[in-house]
N, C-alpha and C. Protein backbone atom coordinates (compact mmCIF):
# COMPACT_ATOMS: atom_id res chain seq x y z
N MET A 1 117.16 60.54 -64.98
CA MET A 1 118.36 60.50 -64.16
C MET A 1 118.56 61.26 -62.38
N GLU A 2 118.36 60.44 -62.01
CA GLU A 2 118.50 61.05 -61.16
C GLU A 2 119.38 61.95 -60.02
N LYS A 3 119.21 63.42 -59.56
CA LYS A 3 119.68 64.04 -58.55
C LYS A 3 121.02 63.16 -57.94
N SER A 4 121.88 63.77 -57.40
CA SER A 4 122.11 63.45 -56.63
C SER A 4 121.52 64.33 -55.22
N ILE A 5 122.12 64.29 -53.96
CA ILE A 5 122.09 64.42 -52.67
C ILE A 5 123.18 65.73 -52.48
N GLU A 6 123.54 65.32 -53.36
CA GLU A 6 124.19 67.98 -53.06
C GLU A 6 124.08 68.09 -54.02
N GLU A 7 122.91 67.81 -55.73
CA GLU A 7 122.25 69.02 -55.96
C GLU A 7 120.81 68.83 -55.45
N VAL A 8 120.08 68.12 -54.94
CA VAL A 8 119.01 68.28 -54.08
C VAL A 8 119.61 68.70 -52.98
N VAL A 9 120.29 68.98 -51.74
CA VAL A 9 120.94 70.33 -51.15
C VAL A 9 120.87 71.45 -51.64
N GLY A 10 121.81 71.66 -52.69
CA GLY A 10 121.91 73.06 -53.72
C GLY A 10 120.60 73.84 -53.74
N GLU A 11 119.84 72.95 -54.49
CA GLU A 11 118.22 73.88 -54.75
C GLU A 11 117.06 73.53 -53.45
N LEU A 12 117.24 72.85 -52.65
CA LEU A 12 115.90 73.36 -51.90
C LEU A 12 115.93 73.65 -50.85
N LEU A 13 117.48 73.80 -50.32
CA LEU A 13 117.77 74.48 -49.02
C LEU A 13 118.64 75.50 -49.11
N HIS A 14 118.72 76.69 -48.28
CA HIS A 14 118.94 78.13 -48.70
C HIS A 14 120.26 77.95 -47.29
N GLY A 15 121.16 79.29 -46.92
CA GLY A 15 121.80 79.98 -46.17
C GLY A 15 122.18 79.09 -45.12
N ASP A 16 122.71 78.83 -43.69
CA ASP A 16 123.49 77.99 -42.69
C ASP A 16 122.64 76.80 -43.28
N ILE A 17 121.64 76.66 -43.31
CA ILE A 17 121.23 75.36 -43.59
C ILE A 17 121.79 75.03 -44.32
N GLN A 18 121.25 75.26 -45.75
CA GLN A 18 122.26 74.21 -46.70
C GLN A 18 123.73 74.23 -46.18
N GLN A 19 124.43 75.20 -46.02
CA GLN A 19 125.79 74.63 -45.41
C GLN A 19 125.96 73.48 -44.91
N ILE A 20 125.29 73.40 -43.73
CA ILE A 20 125.36 72.54 -42.67
C ILE A 20 125.45 71.27 -43.48
N ALA A 21 124.07 71.06 -44.29
CA ALA A 21 123.71 69.89 -44.27
C ALA A 21 124.97 69.21 -45.77
N LYS A 22 125.48 70.34 -46.09
CA LYS A 22 126.55 70.08 -47.83
C LYS A 22 127.89 69.86 -46.66
N GLU A 23 128.11 70.35 -45.37
CA GLU A 23 129.32 69.77 -44.56
C GLU A 23 129.05 68.39 -43.91
N LEU A 24 127.90 68.12 -43.29
CA LEU A 24 127.15 67.01 -43.51
C LEU A 24 127.50 65.59 -44.93
N VAL A 25 126.95 65.55 -45.67
CA VAL A 25 127.12 65.00 -46.77
C VAL A 25 128.82 65.14 -46.86
N ALA A 26 129.40 66.03 -46.87
CA ALA A 26 131.59 65.95 -47.13
C ALA A 26 131.95 64.52 -45.56
N TYR A 27 131.64 65.24 -45.70
CA TYR A 27 132.16 64.52 -44.04
C TYR A 27 131.13 62.83 -43.79
N LEU A 28 130.10 63.04 -44.45
CA LEU A 28 129.90 61.57 -44.51
C LEU A 28 130.87 59.88 -45.94
N ARG A 29 130.90 60.93 -46.73
CA ARG A 29 131.18 60.84 -47.93
C ARG A 29 132.41 60.55 -47.77
N THR A 30 133.75 61.14 -46.87
CA THR A 30 134.74 61.13 -46.88
C THR A 30 135.14 60.09 -45.79
N ASN A 31 134.13 59.58 -45.18
CA ASN A 31 134.00 58.92 -43.83
C ASN A 31 133.56 57.05 -44.09
N GLY A 32 133.88 57.37 -45.91
CA GLY A 32 133.41 56.54 -46.65
C GLY A 32 132.22 55.59 -45.99
N MET A 33 131.00 55.98 -46.64
CA MET A 33 129.49 56.48 -46.07
C MET A 33 128.73 56.60 -47.81
N ASP A 34 128.59 55.85 -47.69
CA ASP A 34 127.07 56.84 -49.87
C ASP A 34 126.20 56.77 -49.51
N PHE A 35 125.30 57.72 -50.39
CA PHE A 35 123.88 57.76 -50.94
C PHE A 35 123.76 57.20 -51.55
N GLU A 36 122.42 56.30 -51.17
CA GLU A 36 121.11 55.40 -51.83
C GLU A 36 119.75 56.25 -52.08
N PRO A 37 119.32 56.34 -53.00
CA PRO A 37 117.62 56.82 -53.44
C PRO A 37 117.90 55.56 -53.05
N GLY A 38 116.25 56.12 -52.28
CA GLY A 38 115.15 55.44 -51.58
C GLY A 38 114.63 54.24 -52.75
N LYS A 39 113.98 52.69 -52.54
CA LYS A 39 113.25 52.23 -53.40
C LYS A 39 111.50 51.67 -53.19
N GLY A 40 111.05 51.16 -54.01
CA GLY A 40 110.15 51.69 -53.94
C GLY A 40 109.19 52.45 -53.36
N TYR A 41 108.20 52.65 -51.86
CA TYR A 41 107.15 53.48 -51.89
C TYR A 41 108.05 54.62 -52.24
N TRP A 42 109.57 54.24 -51.72
CA TRP A 42 110.10 56.32 -51.44
C TRP A 42 111.51 56.23 -53.09
N GLU A 43 111.11 55.90 -53.83
CA GLU A 43 111.85 56.20 -54.48
C GLU A 43 111.10 56.98 -55.47
N ASP A 44 109.92 57.81 -55.87
CA ASP A 44 109.76 59.25 -56.35
C ASP A 44 109.93 60.70 -55.22
N GLN A 45 110.19 59.71 -54.61
CA GLN A 45 110.16 60.87 -53.33
C GLN A 45 112.07 61.80 -52.97
N LEU A 46 112.23 62.29 -51.83
CA LEU A 46 113.63 63.15 -51.60
C LEU A 46 113.91 61.90 -50.58
N TYR A 47 114.57 60.97 -50.68
CA TYR A 47 115.19 60.33 -49.88
C TYR A 47 116.18 59.36 -50.09
N TRP A 48 117.07 59.30 -49.00
CA TRP A 48 118.63 58.11 -49.57
C TRP A 48 118.76 57.98 -47.86
N MET A 49 119.20 56.34 -48.27
CA MET A 49 119.55 55.94 -47.50
C MET A 49 121.16 56.22 -47.18
N VAL A 50 121.58 56.22 -46.55
CA VAL A 50 123.48 56.45 -45.63
C VAL A 50 124.00 54.55 -45.66
N LYS A 51 124.14 54.19 -46.50
CA LYS A 51 125.68 53.33 -47.14
C LYS A 51 126.34 53.17 -46.17
N TYR A 52 127.47 52.12 -45.25
CA TYR A 52 128.75 52.28 -44.44
C TYR A 52 129.04 50.77 -44.75
């Protein structure tokens, strides 16, 4: 199962950086943007594309 960007932010980032990243993700989602995991070369890495 793929992890969501929110899960990865919570696991890998800490402190102020984590809070800023969570706020950015929430802002983008609130404004109709979605995150799609990378495909091909990027598939097994922690990369997302923002779809709007």
